[in-house]
PDB file of N, CA and C in Angstrom:
ATOM      1  N   UNK A   1      45.047-121.755-104.486  1.00  0.00           N
ATOM      2  CA  UNK A   1      46.032-120.771-104.494  1.00  0.00           C
ATOM      3  C   UNK A   1      47.026-120.508-105.725  1.00  0.00           C
ATOM      4  N   UNK A   2      47.289-119.440-106.230  1.00  0.00           N
ATOM      5  CA  UNK A   2      48.128-119.311-106.919  1.00  0.00           C
ATOM      6  C   UNK A   2      49.607-119.306-106.360  1.00  0.00           C
ATOM      7  N   UNK A   3      50.989-119.264-107.361  1.00  0.00           N
ATOM      8  CA  UNK A   3      51.882-119.056-106.952  1.00  0.00           C
ATOM      9  C   UNK A   3      52.452-117.567-106.451  1.00  0.00           C
ATOM     10  N   UNK A   4      51.636-116.732-106.918  1.00  0.00           N
ATOM     11  CA  UNK A   4      51.742-115.232-106.550  1.00  0.00           C
ATOM     12  C   UNK A   4      51.092-114.808-105.106  1.00  0.00           C
ATOM     13  N   UNK A   5      50.136-115.663-105.007  1.00  0.00           N
ATOM     14  CA  UNK A   5      49.382-115.555-103.438  1.00  0.00           C
ATOM     15  C   UNK A   5      49.873-116.294-102.746  1.00  0.00           C
ATOM     16  N   UNK A   6      50.725-117.277-102.826  1.00  0.00           N
ATOM     17  CA  UNK A   6      51.554-118.167-101.678  1.00  0.00           C
ATOM     18  C   UNK A   6      52.824-117.143-101.590  1.00  0.00           C
ATOM     19  N   UNK A   7      53.062-116.686-102.490  1.00  0.00           N
ATOM     20  CA  UNK A   7      54.541-115.629-102.202  1.00  0.00           C
ATOM     21  C   UNK A   7      54.384-114.324-101.277  1.00  0.00           C
ATOM     22  N   UNK A   8      52.776-114.114-101.639  1.00  0.00           N
ATOM     23  CA  UNK A   8      52.647-112.789-100.615  1.00  0.00           C
ATOM     24  C   UNK A   8      52.480-113.281 -99.256  1.00  0.00           C
ATOM     25  N   UNK A   9      51.388-114.413 -99.228  1.00  0.00           N
ATOM     26  CA  UNK A   9      51.089-115.084 -97.715  1.00  0.00           C
ATOM     27  C   UNK A   9      52.768-114.955 -97.419  1.00  0.00           C
ATOM     28  N   UNK A  10      53.824-115.983 -97.721  1.00  0.00           N
ATOM     29  CA  UNK A  10      55.096-116.096 -97.238  1.00  0.00           C
ATOM     30  C   UNK A  10      55.629-114.693 -96.791  1.00  0.00           C
ATOM     31  N   UNK A  11      55.657-113.876 -97.506  1.00  0.00           N
ATOM     32  CA  UNK A  11      56.241-112.502 -97.229  1.00  0.00           C
ATOM     33  C   UNK A  11      55.533-111.756 -96.155  1.00  0.00           C
ATOM     34  N   UNK A  12      54.103-111.993 -95.854  1.00  0.00           N
ATOM     35  CA  UNK A  12      53.391-111.569 -94.790  1.00  0.00           C
ATOM     36  C   UNK A  12      54.023-112.267 -93.535  1.00  0.00           C
ATOM     37  N   UNK A  13      53.998-113.532 -93.671  1.00  0.00           N
ATOM     38  CA  UNK A  13      54.513-114.496 -92.432  1.00  0.00           C
ATOM     39  C   UNK A  13      55.832-113.875 -92.159  1.00  0.00           C
ATOM     40  N   UNK A  14      56.870-113.697 -93.158  1.00  0.00           N
ATOM     41  CA  UNK A  14      58.228-113.308 -92.878  1.00  0.00           C
ATOM     42  C   UNK A  14      58.378-111.988 -91.832  1.00  0.00           C
ATOM     43  N   UNK A  15      57.488-111.081 -92.354  1.00  0.00           N
ATOM     44  CA  UNK A  15      57.478-109.781 -91.740  1.00  0.00           C
ATOM     45  C   UNK A  15      56.761-109.718 -90.403  1.00  0.00           C
ATOM     46  N   UNK A  16      55.964-110.425 -90.069  1.00  0.00           N
ATOM     47  CA  UNK A  16      55.547-110.872 -88.585  1.00  0.00           C
ATOM     48  C   UNK A  16      56.409-111.634 -87.940  1.00  0.00           C
ATOM     49  N   UNK A  17      57.127-112.307 -88.357  1.00  0.00           N
ATOM     50  CA  UNK A  17      58.412-112.671 -87.679  1.00  0.00           C
ATOM     51  C   UNK A  17      59.428-111.877 -87.172  1.00  0.00           C
ATOM     52  N   UNK A  18      59.771-110.656 -88.258  1.00  0.00           N
ATOM     53  CA  UNK A  18      60.736-109.769 -88.139  1.00  0.00           C
ATOM     54  C   UNK A  18      60.171-108.986 -87.063  1.00  0.00           C
ATOM     55  N   UNK A  19      59.177-108.590 -86.748  1.00  0.00           N
ATOM     56  CA  UNK A  19      58.842-107.295 -85.861  1.00  0.00           C
ATOM     57  C   UNK A  19      58.924-107.914 -84.271  1.00  0.00           C
ATOM     58  N   UNK A  20      58.820-109.337 -84.261  1.00  0.00           N
ATOM     59  CA  UNK A  20      58.978-109.840 -82.937  1.00  0.00           C
ATOM     60  C   UNK A  20      60.559-110.029 -82.330  1.00  0.00           C
ATOM     61  N   UNK A  21      61.454-109.664 -83.332  1.00  0.00           N
ATOM     62  CA  UNK A  21      62.814-109.853 -83.066  1.00  0.00           C
ATOM     63  C   UNK A  21      63.210-108.612 -82.706  1.00  0.00           C
ATOM     64  N   UNK A  22      62.707-107.501 -82.500  1.00  0.00           N
ATOM     65  CA  UNK A  22      63.627-106.161 -82.100  1.00  0.00           C
ATOM     66  C   UNK A  22      64.267-106.236 -80.975  1.00  0.00           C
ATOM     67  N   UNK A  23      64.879-105.008 -80.666  1.00  0.00           N
ATOM     68  CA  UNK A  23      65.736-104.807 -79.891  1.00  0.00           C
ATOM     69  C   UNK A  23      65.493-105.008 -78.397  1.00  0.00           C
ATOM     70  N   UNK A  24      65.791-106.315 -77.993  1.00  0.00           N
ATOM     71  CA  UNK A  24      65.304-106.555 -76.462  1.00  0.00           C
ATOM     72  C   UNK A  24      66.533-107.156 -75.656  1.00  0.00           C
ATOM     73  N   UNK A  25      67.210-106.514 -74.915  1.00  0.00           N
ATOM     74  CA  UNK A  25      68.364-106.866 -74.259  1.00  0.00           C
ATOM     75  C   UNK A  25      68.055-107.330 -73.089  1.00  0.00           C
ATOM     76  N   UNK A  26      66.931-107.649 -72.439  1.00  0.00           N
ATOM     77  CA  UNK A  26      66.304-108.308 -71.697  1.00  0.00           C
ATOM     78  C   UNK A  26      66.114-109.798 -71.590  1.00  0.00           C
ATOM     79  N   UNK A  27      65.892-110.239 -72.850  1.00  0.00           N
ATOM     80  CA  UNK A  27      65.814-111.742 -73.107  1.00  0.00           C
ATOM     81  C   UNK A  27      67.028-112.566 -73.423  1.00  0.00           C
ATOM     82  N   UNK A  28      67.372-113.363 -72.917  1.00  0.00           N
ATOM     83  CA  UNK A  28      68.478-114.213 -73.319  1.00  0.00           C
ATOM     84  C   UNK A  28      69.451-114.101 -74.620  1.00  0.00           C
ATOM     85  N   UNK A  29      68.097-114.447 -75.565  1.00  0.00           N
ATOM     86  CA  UNK A  29      68.564-114.274 -76.779  1.00  0.00           C
ATOM     87  C   UNK A  29      69.413-112.977 -77.607  1.00  0.00           C
ATOM     88  N   UNK A  30      68.533-111.903 -76.934  1.00  0.00           N
ATOM     89  CA  UNK A  30      68.646-110.504 -77.097  1.00  0.00           C
ATOM     90  C   UNK A  30      69.857-109.978 -76.545  1.00  0.00           C
ATOM     91  N   UNK A  31      70.076-110.812 -75.430  1.00  0.00           N
ATOM     92  CA  UNK A  31      71.373-109.898 -74.738  1.00  0.00           C
ATOM     93  C   UNK A  31      72.686-110.428 -75.077  1.00  0.00           C
ATOM     94  N   UNK A  32      72.270-111.968 -75.634  1.00  0.00           N
ATOM     95  CA  UNK A  32      73.677-112.492 -76.160  1.00  0.00           C
ATOM     96  C   UNK A  32      74.270-111.755 -77.441  1.00  0.00           C
ATOM     97  N   UNK A  33      73.037-111.544 -78.252  1.00  0.00           N
ATOM     98  CA  UNK A  33      73.690-110.928 -79.429  1.00  0.00           C
ATOM     99  C   UNK A  33      73.751-109.313 -79.214  1.00  0.00           C
ATOM    100  N   UNK A  34      73.145-108.659 -78.412  1.00  0.00           N
ATOM    101  CA  UNK A  34      73.878-107.341 -78.226  1.00  0.00           C
ATOM    102  C   UNK A  34      75.478-107.436 -77.570  1.00  0.00           C
ATOM    103  N   UNK A  35      75.485-108.581 -76.755  1.00  0.00           N
ATOM    104  CA  UNK A  35      77.053-108.630 -76.304  1.00  0.00           C
ATOM    105  C   UNK A  35      78.176-108.904 -77.361  1.00  0.00           C
ATOM    106  N   UNK A  36      77.783-109.931 -78.181  1.00  0.00           N
ATOM    107  CA  UNK A  36      78.185-110.269 -79.446  1.00  0.00           C
ATOM    108  C   UNK A  36      78.465-108.406 -80.268  1.00  0.00           C
ATOM    109  N   UNK A  37      77.874-107.962 -80.311  1.00  0.00           N
ATOM    110  CA  UNK A  37      77.936-106.751 -81.077  1.00  0.00           C
ATOM    111  C   UNK A  37      78.825-105.590 -80.433  1.00  0.00           C
ATOM    112  N   UNK A  38      78.715-105.826 -79.054  1.00  0.00           N
ATOM    113  CA  UNK A  38      79.590-104.751 -78.150  1.00  0.00           C
ATOM    114  C   UNK A  38      80.963-105.319 -78.339  1.00  0.00           C
ATOM    115  N   UNK A  39      81.346-106.484 -78.412  1.00  0.00           N
ATOM    116  CA  UNK A  39      82.467-107.086 -78.502  1.00  0.00           C
ATOM    117  C   UNK A  39      83.473-106.438 -79.849  1.00  0.00           C
ATOM    118  N   UNK A  40      82.336-106.745 -80.955  1.00  0.00           N
ATOM    119  CA  UNK A  40      82.987-106.107 -82.207  1.00  0.00           C
ATOM    120  C   UNK A  40      83.110-104.782 -82.268  1.00  0.00           C
ATOM    121  N   UNK A  41      82.347-104.052 -81.526  1.00  0.00           N
ATOM    122  CA  UNK A  41      82.403-102.234 -81.497  1.00  0.00           C
ATOM    123  C   UNK A  41      83.681-102.333 -80.722  1.00  0.00           C
ATOM    124  N   UNK A  42      83.722-102.528 -79.355  1.00  0.00           N
ATOM    125  CA  UNK A  42      84.332-102.365 -78.418  1.00  0.00           C
ATOM    126  C   UNK A  42      85.589-103.573 -78.023  1.00  0.00           C
ATOM    127  N   UNK A  43      86.203-103.319 -79.034  1.00  0.00           N
ATOM    128  CA  UNK A  43      87.282-104.537 -78.633  1.00  0.00           C
ATOM    129  C   UNK A  43      87.953-104.716 -77.411  1.00  0.00           C
ATOM    130  N   UNK A  44      88.612-103.303 -76.977  1.00  0.00           N
ATOM    131  CA  UNK A  44      89.369-103.442 -75.657  1.00  0.00           C
ATOM    132  C   UNK A  44      88.564-103.482 -74.625  1.00  0.00           C
ATOM    133  N   UNK A  45      87.094-103.642 -74.627  1.00  0.00           N
ATOM    134  CA  UNK A  45      86.489-104.054 -73.458  1.00  0.00           C
ATOM    135  C   UNK A  45      86.338-105.350 -73.062  1.00  0.00           C
ATOM    136  N   UNK A  46      86.599-105.804 -71.679  1.00  0.00           N
ATOM    137  CA  UNK A  46      86.669-107.139 -71.610  1.00  0.00           C
ATOM    138  C   UNK A  46      84.817-107.764 -71.450  1.00  0.00           C
ATOM    139  N   UNK A  47      84.843-109.116 -71.376  1.00  0.00           N
ATOM    140  CA  UNK A  47      83.452-109.368 -71.212  1.00  0.00           C
ATOM    141  C   UNK A  47      82.779-109.175 -70.123  1.00  0.00           C
ATOM    142  N   UNK A  48      83.600-108.978 -69.043  1.00  0.00           N
ATOM    143  CA  UNK A  48      83.039-108.647 -67.694  1.00  0.00           C
ATOM    144  C   UNK A  48      82.728-107.168 -67.578  1.00  0.00           C
ATOM    145  N   UNK A  49      83.239-106.292 -68.564  1.00  0.00           N
ATOM    146  CA  UNK A  49      82.787-104.814 -68.211  1.00  0.00           C
ATOM    147  C   UNK A  49      81.661-104.790 -69.620  1.00  0.00           C
ATOM    148  N   UNK A  50      81.507-105.677 -70.195  1.00  0.00           N
ATOM    149  CA  UNK A  50      80.581-105.506 -71.593  1.00  0.00           C
ATOM    150  C   UNK A  50      79.365-105.871 -70.550  1.00  0.00           C
ATOM    151  N   UNK A  51      79.339-107.121 -69.560  1.00  0.00           N
ATOM    152  CA  UNK A  51      78.597-107.466 -69.046  1.00  0.00           C
ATOM    153  C   UNK A  51      77.796-106.713 -68.189  1.00  0.00           C
ATOM    154  N   UNK A  52      78.785-106.098 -67.277  1.00  0.00           N
ATOM    155  CA  UNK A  52      78.295-105.090 -66.276  1.00  0.00           C
ATOM    156  C   UNK A  52      77.465-103.681 -66.722  1.00  0.00           C
ATOM    157  N   UNK A  53      78.198-103.311 -68.062  1.00  0.00           N
ATOM    158  CA  UNK A  53      77.470-102.183 -68.618  1.00  0.00           C
ATOM    159  C   UNK A  53      75.871-102.387 -68.922  1.00  0.00           C
ATOM    160  N   UNK A  54      75.869-103.827 -69.759  1.00  0.00           N
ATOM    161  CA  UNK A  54      74.547-104.261 -70.148  1.00  0.00           C
ATOM    162  C   UNK A  54      73.684-104.322 -68.856  1.00  0.00           C
ATOM    163  N   UNK A  55      74.285-104.950 -67.688  1.00  0.00           N
ATOM    164  CA  UNK A  55      73.032-105.017 -66.419  1.00  0.00           C
ATOM    165  C   UNK A  55      73.006-103.494 -66.290  1.00  0.00           C
ATOM    166  N   UNK A  56      73.856-102.466 -66.104  1.00  0.00           N
ATOM    167  CA  UNK A  56      73.388-101.115 -65.486  1.00  0.00           C
ATOM    168  C   UNK A  56      72.573-100.387 -66.697  1.00  0.00           C
ATOM    169  N   UNK A  57      72.565-100.769 -67.909  1.00  0.00           N
ATOM    170  CA  UNK A  57      71.786-100.125 -68.856  1.00  0.00           C
ATOM    171  C   UNK A  57      70.191-100.499 -68.673  1.00  0.00           C
ATOM    172  N   UNK A  58      70.172-101.778 -68.476  1.00  0.00           N
ATOM    173  CA  UNK A  58      68.818-102.651 -68.469  1.00  0.00           C
ATOM    174  C   UNK A  58      68.385-101.927 -67.089  1.00  0.00           C
ATOM    175  N   UNK A  59      68.998-101.540 -65.792  1.00  0.00           N
ATOM    176  CA  UNK A  59      68.652-101.145 -64.646  1.00  0.00           C
ATOM    177  C   UNK A  59      68.145 -99.918 -64.931  1.00  0.00           C
ATOM    178  N   UNK A  60      68.922 -99.143 -65.900  1.00  0.00           N
ATOM    179  CA  UNK A  60      68.758 -97.871 -65.934  1.00  0.00           C
ATOM    180  C   UNK A  60      67.451 -97.264 -66.733  1.00  0.00           C
ATOM    181  N   UNK A  61      67.175 -98.404 -67.924  1.00  0.00           N
ATOM    182  CA  UNK A  61      66.221 -98.112 -68.944  1.00  0.00           C
ATOM    183  C   UNK A  61      65.085 -98.846 -68.510  1.00  0.00           C
ATOM    184  N   UNK A  62      63.785 -98.879 -69.285  1.00  0.00           N
ATOM    185  CA  UNK A  62      62.910 -99.765 -69.143  1.00  0.00           C
ATOM    186  C   UNK A  62      62.280 -99.903 -70.363  1.00  0.00           C
ATOM    187  N   UNK A  63      61.765-101.242 -70.233  1.00  0.00           N
ATOM    188  CA  UNK A  63      61.011-101.926 -71.575  1.00  0.00           C
ATOM    189  C   UNK A  63      59.888-101.095 -71.873  1.00  0.00           C
ATOM    190  N   UNK A  64      59.422-101.235 -73.147  1.00  0.00           N
ATOM    191  CA  UNK A  64      60.262-101.269 -74.163  1.00  0.00           C
ATOM    192  C   UNK A  64      61.656-100.265 -74.327  1.00  0.00           C
ATOM    193  N   UNK A  65      62.581-101.174 -74.894  1.00  0.00           N
ATOM    194  CA  UNK A  65      64.080-100.209 -74.717  1.00  0.00           C
ATOM    195  C   UNK A  65      64.143 -99.396 -75.994  1.00  0.00           C
ATOM    196  N   UNK A  66      64.688 -98.217 -76.341  1.00  0.00           N
ATOM    197  CA  UNK A  66      65.115 -97.328 -77.064  1.00  0.00           C
ATOM    198  C   UNK A  66      66.598 -97.581 -77.439  1.00  0.00           C
ATOM    199  N   UNK A  67      66.542 -98.480 -78.625  1.00  0.00           N
ATOM    200  CA  UNK A  67      68.096 -98.998 -78.910  1.00  0.00           C
ATOM    201  C   UNK A  67      69.202 -97.520 -78.960  1.00  0.00           C
ATOM    202  N   UNK A  68      68.700 -96.534 -79.520  1.00  0.00           N
ATOM    203  CA  UNK A  68      69.460 -95.268 -79.593  1.00  0.00           C
ATOM    204  C   UNK A  68      70.237 -95.009 -78.236  1.00  0.00           C
ATOM    205  N   UNK A  69      69.112 -94.668 -77.282  1.00  0.00           N
ATOM    206  CA  UNK A  69      69.541 -94.183 -76.227  1.00  0.00           C
ATOM    207  C   UNK A  69      70.251 -95.386 -75.267  1.00  0.00           C
ATOM    208  N   UNK A  70      70.029 -96.691 -75.654  1.00  0.00           N
ATOM    209  CA  UNK A  70      70.592 -98.103 -74.812  1.00  0.00           C
ATOM    210  C   UNK A  70      71.822 -97.641 -75.226  1.00  0.00           C
ATOM    211  N   UNK A  71      72.063 -97.662 -76.558  1.00  0.00           N
ATOM    212  CA  UNK A  71      73.532 -97.939 -77.334  1.00  0.00           C
ATOM    213  C   UNK A  71      74.654 -96.644 -76.755  1.00  0.00           C
ATOM    214  N   UNK A  72      73.722 -95.594 -76.681  1.00  0.00           N
ATOM    215  CA  UNK A  72      74.755 -94.244 -76.079  1.00  0.00           C
ATOM    216  C   UNK A  72      75.333 -94.697 -74.873  1.00  0.00           C
ATOM    217  N   UNK A  73      74.267 -94.979 -73.834  1.00  0.00           N
ATOM    218  CA  UNK A  73      74.810 -95.086 -72.728  1.00  0.00           C
ATOM    219  C   UNK A  73      75.991 -96.185 -72.491  1.00  0.00           C
ATOM    220  N   UNK A  74      75.678 -97.173 -73.418  1.00  0.00           N
ATOM    221  CA  UNK A  74      76.849 -98.285 -73.760  1.00  0.00           C
ATOM    222  C   UNK A  74      78.008 -97.605 -73.942  1.00  0.00           C
ATOM    223  N   UNK A  75      77.949 -97.004 -75.048  1.00  0.00           N
ATOM    224  CA  UNK A  75      79.170 -96.181 -75.662  1.00  0.00           C
ATOM    225  C   UNK A  75      80.266 -95.449 -74.488  1.00  0.00           C
ATOM    226  N   UNK A  76      79.091 -94.757 -73.953  1.00  0.00           N
ATOM    227  CA  UNK A  76      80.039 -93.931 -72.516  1.00  0.00           C
ATOM    228  C   UNK A  76      80.508 -94.878 -71.910  1.00  0.00           C
ATOM    229  N   UNK A  77      80.308 -95.816 -71.240  1.00  0.00           N
ATOM    230  CA  UNK A  77      80.816 -96.574 -70.473  1.00  0.00           C
ATOM    231  C   UNK A  77      81.785 -97.336 -71.117  1.00  0.00           C
ATOM    232  N   UNK A  78      81.568 -97.959 -72.288  1.00  0.00           N
ATOM    233  CA  UNK A  78      82.876 -99.136 -72.750  1.00  0.00           C
ATOM    234  C   UNK A  78      83.872 -98.251 -73.848  1.00  0.00           C
ATOM    235  N   UNK A  79      83.799 -97.038 -73.897  1.00  0.00           N
ATOM    236  CA  UNK A  79      84.960 -96.289 -74.440  1.00  0.00           C
ATOM    237  C   UNK A  79      85.974 -96.246 -73.742  1.00  0.00           C
ATOM    238  N   UNK A  80      87.185 -95.955 -74.741  1.00  0.00           N
ATOM    239  CA  UNK A  80      88.467 -96.184 -73.499  1.00  0.00           C
ATOM    240  C   UNK A  80      88.765 -94.552 -73.239  1.00  0.00           C
TER     241      UNK A  80
END
C-alpha cells in the first residue's frame, strides 16, 4: 500500500468518526459540550438555569435533534 492510499484510508476513517459526533444533547458527552457552549454564550445564566433549559428542550424536541430549532428554543429561555 502506498503512502497515498494510506492517507486516503486515514481521511475516510476520520470522516466516519466525525459523522457520529453530531449534535446529541441527550448523551452525557453531548450534554456536557452543550452546557459548556451555553455557559460561554449566556454568561449571566446560572448552571441551574442552563440545566433546566436543556431538560425542557430535550422534553420538547425528539431525536434526531434539529440544532437550529433546539438552540433557538434555548436562546429564548436563557436570554436576559
